[in-house]
């Protein structure tokens, strides 16, 4: 996954490999999240959103650490 720091709340990224995420840019998750290749991730407020391959969208809480 690209680790560029230019992420905005509406920026979506697609995982290109199996990844365990504990932070995404300046956003720190309360607990790590496993993301599979092809799944989309983005931040919405105080949650990291993950669109799974079956179409459902999961939300994981966290906070912005600047």
PDB file of N, CA and C in Angstrom:
ATOM      1  N   UNK A   1       0.827  -1.172   0.000  1.00  0.00           N
ATOM      2  CA  UNK A   1       0.000   0.000   0.000  1.00  0.00           C
ATOM      3  C   UNK A   1       0.875   1.240   0.000  1.00  0.00           C
ATOM      4  N   UNK A   2       0.453   2.238  -0.672  1.00  0.00           N
ATOM      5  CA  UNK A   2       1.182   3.503  -0.693  1.00  0.00           C
ATOM      6  C   UNK A   2       1.091   4.155   0.681  1.00  0.00           C
ATOM      7  N   UNK A   3       2.226   4.633   1.203  1.00  0.00           N
ATOM      8  CA  UNK A   3       2.219   5.227   2.545  1.00  0.00           C
ATOM      9  C   UNK A   3       2.352   6.733   2.497  1.00  0.00           C
ATOM     10  N   UNK A   4       1.936   7.347   1.421  1.00  0.00           N
ATOM     11  CA  UNK A   4       2.026   8.810   1.288  1.00  0.00           C
ATOM     12  C   UNK A   4       1.258   9.494   2.405  1.00  0.00           C
ATOM     13  N   UNK A   5       1.783  10.619   2.869  1.00  0.00           N
ATOM     14  CA  UNK A   5       1.168  11.352   3.969  1.00  0.00           C
ATOM     15  C   UNK A   5       0.116  12.346   3.493  1.00  0.00           C
ATOM     16  N   UNK A   6      -0.202  12.394   2.211  1.00  0.00           N
ATOM     17  CA  UNK A   6      -1.125  13.386   1.667  1.00  0.00           C
ATOM     18  C   UNK A   6      -2.568  12.920   1.703  1.00  0.00           C
ATOM     19  N   UNK A   7      -2.926  12.094   2.629  1.00  0.00           N
ATOM     20  CA  UNK A   7      -4.279  11.544   2.683  1.00  0.00           C
ATOM     21  C   UNK A   7      -5.268  12.550   3.233  1.00  0.00           C
ATOM     22  N   UNK A   8      -6.426  12.583   2.628  1.00  0.00           N
ATOM     23  CA  UNK A   8      -7.525  13.403   3.140  1.00  0.00           C
ATOM     24  C   UNK A   8      -8.614  12.447   3.603  1.00  0.00           C
ATOM     25  N   UNK A   9      -9.599  12.926   4.357  1.00  0.00           N
ATOM     26  CA  UNK A   9     -10.644  12.035   4.847  1.00  0.00           C
ATOM     27  C   UNK A   9     -11.390  11.278   3.750  1.00  0.00           C
ATOM     28  N   UNK A  10     -11.452  11.810   2.544  1.00  0.00           N
ATOM     29  CA  UNK A  10     -12.203  11.136   1.486  1.00  0.00           C
ATOM     30  C   UNK A  10     -11.304  10.368   0.519  1.00  0.00           C
ATOM     31  N   UNK A  11      -9.991  10.349   0.741  1.00  0.00           N
ATOM     32  CA  UNK A  11      -9.064   9.648  -0.138  1.00  0.00           C
ATOM     33  C   UNK A  11      -9.217   8.146   0.063  1.00  0.00           C
ATOM     34  N   UNK A  12      -9.468   7.409  -1.025  1.00  0.00           N
ATOM     35  CA  UNK A  12      -9.597   5.954  -0.974  1.00  0.00           C
ATOM     36  C   UNK A  12      -8.339   5.312  -1.527  1.00  0.00           C
ATOM     37  N   UNK A  13      -7.982   4.195  -0.939  1.00  0.00           N
ATOM     38  CA  UNK A  13      -6.822   3.445  -1.398  1.00  0.00           C
ATOM     39  C   UNK A  13      -7.204   1.974  -1.471  1.00  0.00           C
ATOM     40  N   UNK A  14      -6.653   1.266  -2.466  1.00  0.00           N
ATOM     41  CA  UNK A  14      -6.938  -0.148  -2.608  1.00  0.00           C
ATOM     42  C   UNK A  14      -5.702  -0.944  -2.202  1.00  0.00           C
ATOM     43  N   UNK A  15      -5.897  -1.930  -1.339  1.00  0.00           N
ATOM     44  CA  UNK A  15      -4.797  -2.768  -0.886  1.00  0.00           C
ATOM     45  C   UNK A  15      -4.293  -3.626  -2.037  1.00  0.00           C
ATOM     46  N   UNK A  16      -2.974  -3.704  -2.170  1.00  0.00           N
ATOM     47  CA  UNK A  16      -2.393  -4.534  -3.217  1.00  0.00           C
ATOM     48  C   UNK A  16      -1.785  -5.816  -2.646  1.00  0.00           C
ATOM     49  N   UNK A  17      -1.866  -5.979  -1.313  1.00  0.00           N
ATOM     50  CA  UNK A  17      -1.375  -7.197  -0.649  1.00  0.00           C
ATOM     51  C   UNK A  17      -2.047  -7.310   0.715  1.00  0.00           C
ATOM     52  N   UNK A  18      -1.945  -8.486   1.314  1.00  0.00           N
ATOM     53  CA  UNK A  18      -2.467  -8.702   2.654  1.00  0.00           C
ATOM     54  C   UNK A  18      -1.696  -7.797   3.616  1.00  0.00           C
ATOM     55  N   UNK A  19      -2.411  -6.982   4.394  1.00  0.00           N
ATOM     56  CA  UNK A  19      -1.775  -5.974   5.235  1.00  0.00           C
ATOM     57  C   UNK A  19      -2.459  -5.895   6.588  1.00  0.00           C
ATOM     58  N   UNK A  20      -1.656  -5.842   7.646  1.00  0.00           N
ATOM     59  CA  UNK A  20      -2.171  -5.589   8.983  1.00  0.00           C
ATOM     60  C   UNK A  20      -1.917  -4.116   9.270  1.00  0.00           C
ATOM     61  N   UNK A  21      -2.987  -3.338   9.414  1.00  0.00           N
ATOM     62  CA  UNK A  21      -2.881  -1.886   9.567  1.00  0.00           C
ATOM     63  C   UNK A  21      -3.109  -1.507  11.025  1.00  0.00           C
ATOM     64  N   UNK A  22      -2.167  -0.748  11.593  1.00  0.00           N
ATOM     65  CA  UNK A  22      -2.390  -0.190  12.926  1.00  0.00           C
ATOM     66  C   UNK A  22      -2.442   1.335  12.871  1.00  0.00           C
ATOM     67  N   UNK A  23      -2.029   1.903  11.731  1.00  0.00           N
ATOM     68  CA  UNK A  23      -2.163   3.342  11.486  1.00  0.00           C
ATOM     69  C   UNK A  23      -2.245   3.561   9.984  1.00  0.00           C
ATOM     70  N   UNK A  24      -2.883   4.671   9.600  1.00  0.00           N
ATOM     71  CA  UNK A  24      -3.026   5.013   8.182  1.00  0.00           C
ATOM     72  C   UNK A  24      -2.766   6.503   8.083  1.00  0.00           C
ATOM     73  N   UNK A  25      -1.562   6.855   7.673  1.00  0.00           N
ATOM     74  CA  UNK A  25      -1.155   8.253   7.691  1.00  0.00           C
ATOM     75  C   UNK A  25      -1.060   8.717   9.131  1.00  0.00           C
ATOM     76  N   UNK A  26      -1.795   9.761   9.485  1.00  0.00           N
ATOM     77  CA  UNK A  26      -1.815  10.274  10.858  1.00  0.00           C
ATOM     78  C   UNK A  26      -2.928   9.647  11.687  1.00  0.00           C
ATOM     79  N   UNK A  27      -3.680   8.739  11.093  1.00  0.00           N
ATOM     80  CA  UNK A  27      -4.810   8.109  11.792  1.00  0.00           C
ATOM     81  C   UNK A  27      -4.339   6.824  12.475  1.00  0.00           C
ATOM     82  N   UNK A  28      -4.512   6.751  13.799  1.00  0.00           N
ATOM     83  CA  UNK A  28      -4.080   5.597  14.589  1.00  0.00           C
ATOM     84  C   UNK A  28      -5.315   4.816  15.016  1.00  0.00           C
ATOM     85  N   UNK A  29      -5.335   3.532  14.685  1.00  0.00           N
ATOM     86  CA  UNK A  29      -6.475   2.679  15.012  1.00  0.00           C
ATOM     87  C   UNK A  29      -6.430   2.227  16.470  1.00  0.00           C
ATOM     88  N   UNK A  30      -7.595   2.006  17.068  1.00  0.00           N
ATOM     89  CA  UNK A  30      -7.669   1.491  18.428  1.00  0.00           C
ATOM     90  C   UNK A  30      -7.117   0.067  18.499  1.00  0.00           C
ATOM     91  N   UNK A  31      -7.287  -0.705  17.419  1.00  0.00           N
ATOM     92  CA  UNK A  31      -6.730  -2.056  17.323  1.00  0.00           C
ATOM     93  C   UNK A  31      -6.391  -2.331  15.867  1.00  0.00           C
ATOM     94  N   UNK A  32      -5.406  -3.201  15.589  1.00  0.00           N
ATOM     95  CA  UNK A  32      -5.022  -3.485  14.204  1.00  0.00           C
ATOM     96  C   UNK A  32      -6.160  -4.109  13.396  1.00  0.00           C
ATOM     97  N   UNK A  33      -6.147  -3.847  12.092  1.00  0.00           N
ATOM     98  CA  UNK A  33      -7.173  -4.342  11.174  1.00  0.00           C
ATOM     99  C   UNK A  33      -6.477  -5.076  10.025  1.00  0.00           C
ATOM    100  N   UNK A  34      -6.955  -6.264   9.695  1.00  0.00           N
ATOM    101  CA  UNK A  34      -6.421  -7.034   8.588  1.00  0.00           C
ATOM    102  C   UNK A  34      -7.171  -6.660   7.312  1.00  0.00           C
ATOM    103  N   UNK A  35      -6.428  -6.249   6.276  1.00  0.00           N
ATOM    104  CA  UNK A  35      -7.009  -5.843   4.999  1.00  0.00           C
ATOM    105  C   UNK A  35      -6.448  -6.762   3.913  1.00  0.00           C
ATOM    106  N   UNK A  36      -7.333  -7.298   3.083  1.00  0.00           N
ATOM    107  CA  UNK A  36      -6.950  -8.247   2.036  1.00  0.00           C
ATOM    108  C   UNK A  36      -6.737  -7.543   0.707  1.00  0.00           C
ATOM    109  N   UNK A  37      -5.962  -8.149  -0.200  1.00  0.00           N
ATOM    110  CA  UNK A  37      -5.748  -7.544  -1.526  1.00  0.00           C
ATOM    111  C   UNK A  37      -7.072  -7.255  -2.224  1.00  0.00           C
ATOM    112  N   UNK A  38      -7.184  -6.052  -2.783  1.00  0.00           N
ATOM    113  CA  UNK A  38      -8.387  -5.652  -3.509  1.00  0.00           C
ATOM    114  C   UNK A  38      -9.402  -4.905  -2.674  1.00  0.00           C
ATOM    115  N   UNK A  39      -9.239  -4.903  -1.359  1.00  0.00           N
ATOM    116  CA  UNK A  39     -10.185  -4.182  -0.513  1.00  0.00           C
ATOM    117  C   UNK A  39      -9.830  -2.697  -0.469  1.00  0.00           C
ATOM    118  N   UNK A  40     -10.850  -1.857  -0.374  1.00  0.00           N
ATOM    119  CA  UNK A  40     -10.658  -0.403  -0.361  1.00  0.00           C
ATOM    120  C   UNK A  40     -10.691   0.104   1.073  1.00  0.00           C
ATOM    121  N   UNK A  41      -9.816   1.088   1.379  1.00  0.00           N
ATOM    122  CA  UNK A  41      -9.808   1.704   2.706  1.00  0.00           C
ATOM    123  C   UNK A  41      -9.828   3.217   2.571  1.00  0.00           C
ATOM    124  N   UNK A  42     -10.478   3.870   3.535  1.00  0.00           N
ATOM    125  CA  UNK A  42     -10.500   5.323   3.599  1.00  0.00           C
ATOM    126  C   UNK A  42     -10.896   5.719   5.016  1.00  0.00           C
ATOM    127  N   UNK A  43     -10.628   6.958   5.358  1.00  0.00           N
ATOM    128  CA  UNK A  43     -11.002   7.479   6.665  1.00  0.00           C
ATOM    129  C   UNK A  43     -12.265   8.314   6.553  1.00  0.00           C
ATOM    130  N   UNK A  44     -13.154   8.148   7.512  1.00  0.00           N
ATOM    131  CA  UNK A  44     -14.386   8.938   7.568  1.00  0.00           C
ATOM    132  C   UNK A  44     -14.563   9.349   9.024  1.00  0.00           C
ATOM    133  N   UNK A  45     -14.249  10.598   9.318  1.00  0.00           N
ATOM    134  CA  UNK A  45     -14.325  11.077  10.691  1.00  0.00           C
ATOM    135  C   UNK A  45     -13.316  10.371  11.574  1.00  0.00           C
ATOM    136  N   UNK A  46     -13.808   9.765  12.644  1.00  0.00           N
ATOM    137  CA  UNK A  46     -12.943   9.046  13.586  1.00  0.00           C
ATOM    138  C   UNK A  46     -12.967   7.541  13.356  1.00  0.00           C
ATOM    139  N   UNK A  47     -13.177   7.131  12.098  1.00  0.00           N
ATOM    140  CA  UNK A  47     -13.208   5.712  11.779  1.00  0.00           C
ATOM    141  C   UNK A  47     -12.453   5.434  10.490  1.00  0.00           C
ATOM    142  N   UNK A  48     -11.823   4.265  10.434  1.00  0.00           N
ATOM    143  CA  UNK A  48     -11.233   3.773   9.198  1.00  0.00           C
ATOM    144  C   UNK A  48     -12.267   2.841   8.573  1.00  0.00           C
ATOM    145  N   UNK A  49     -12.647   3.133   7.353  1.00  0.00           N
ATOM    146  CA  UNK A  49     -13.644   2.339   6.653  1.00  0.00           C
ATOM    147  C   UNK A  49     -12.926   1.336   5.748  1.00  0.00           C
ATOM    148  N   UNK A  50     -13.424   0.109   5.714  1.00  0.00           N
ATOM    149  CA  UNK A  50     -12.869  -0.932   4.850  1.00  0.00           C
ATOM    150  C   UNK A  50     -14.009  -1.551   4.066  1.00  0.00           C
ATOM    151  N   UNK A  51     -13.938  -1.427   2.735  1.00  0.00           N
ATOM    152  CA  UNK A  51     -14.934  -2.100   1.899  1.00  0.00           C
ATOM    153  C   UNK A  51     -14.377  -3.463   1.553  1.00  0.00           C
ATOM    154  N   UNK A  52     -15.003  -4.485   2.100  1.00  0.00           N
ATOM    155  CA  UNK A  52     -14.557  -5.865   1.919  1.00  0.00           C
ATOM    156  C   UNK A  52     -14.885  -6.355   0.510  1.00  0.00           C
ATOM    157  N   UNK A  53     -14.277  -7.453   0.117  1.00  0.00           N
ATOM    158  CA  UNK A  53     -14.463  -7.989  -1.229  1.00  0.00           C
ATOM    159  C   UNK A  53     -15.907  -8.429  -1.484  1.00  0.00           C
ATOM    160  N   UNK A  54     -16.641  -8.769  -0.423  1.00  0.00           N
ATOM    161  CA  UNK A  54     -18.039  -9.180  -0.608  1.00  0.00           C
ATOM    162  C   UNK A  54     -18.994  -7.985  -0.657  1.00  0.00           C
ATOM    163  N   UNK A  55     -18.445  -6.746  -0.579  1.00  0.00           N
ATOM    164  CA  UNK A  55     -19.248  -5.546  -0.715  1.00  0.00           C
ATOM    165  C   UNK A  55     -19.612  -4.861   0.592  1.00  0.00           C
ATOM    166  N   UNK A  56     -19.529  -5.562   1.728  1.00  0.00           N
ATOM    167  CA  UNK A  56     -19.879  -4.909   2.994  1.00  0.00           C
ATOM    168  C   UNK A  56     -18.807  -3.906   3.384  1.00  0.00           C
ATOM    169  N   UNK A  57     -19.193  -2.938   4.180  1.00  0.00           N
ATOM    170  CA  UNK A  57     -18.259  -1.909   4.652  1.00  0.00           C
ATOM    171  C   UNK A  57     -18.179  -2.002   6.170  1.00  0.00           C
ATOM    172  N   UNK A  58     -16.947  -2.195   6.673  1.00  0.00           N
ATOM    173  CA  UNK A  58     -16.699  -2.257   8.112  1.00  0.00           C
ATOM    174  C   UNK A  58     -16.063  -0.956   8.564  1.00  0.00           C
ATOM    175  N   UNK A  59     -16.365  -0.538   9.793  1.00  0.00           N
ATOM    176  CA  UNK A  59     -15.814   0.691  10.363  1.00  0.00           C
ATOM    177  C   UNK A  59     -15.007   0.351  11.607  1.00  0.00           C
ATOM    178  N   UNK A  60     -13.802   0.941  11.718  1.00  0.00           N
ATOM    179  CA  UNK A  60     -12.912   0.681  12.842  1.00  0.00           C
ATOM    180  C   UNK A  60     -12.514   2.004  13.478  1.00  0.00           C
ATOM    181  N   UNK A  61     -12.736   2.160  14.790  1.00  0.00           N
ATOM    182  CA  UNK A  61     -12.466   3.427  15.470  1.00  0.00           C
ATOM    183  C   UNK A  61     -10.974   3.694  15.657  1.00  0.00           C
ATOM    184  N   UNK A  62     -10.670   4.983  15.768  1.00  0.00           N
ATOM    185  CA  UNK A  62      -9.298   5.422  16.012  1.00  0.00           C
ATOM    186  C   UNK A  62      -9.292   6.911  16.242  1.00  0.00           C
ATOM    187  N   UNK A  63      -8.098   7.519  16.120  1.00  0.00           N
ATOM    188  CA  UNK A  63      -7.953   8.961  16.336  1.00  0.00           C
ATOM    189  C   UNK A  63      -6.831   9.497  15.478  1.00  0.00           C
ATOM    190  N   UNK A  64      -6.850  10.798  15.233  1.00  0.00           N
ATOM    191  CA  UNK A  64      -5.804  11.455  14.441  1.00  0.00           C
ATOM    192  C   UNK A  64      -4.705  11.874  15.402  1.00  0.00           C
ATOM    193  N   UNK A  65      -3.477  11.493  15.086  1.00  0.00           N
ATOM    194  CA  UNK A  65      -2.306  11.843  15.877  1.00  0.00           C
ATOM    195  C   UNK A  65      -1.419  12.731  15.027  1.00  0.00           C
ATOM    196  N   UNK A  66      -1.347  13.996  15.347  1.00  0.00           N
ATOM    197  CA  UNK A  66      -0.545  14.931  14.554  1.00  0.00           C
ATOM    198  C   UNK A  66       0.711  15.278  15.249  1.00  0.00           C
TER     199      UNK A  66
END
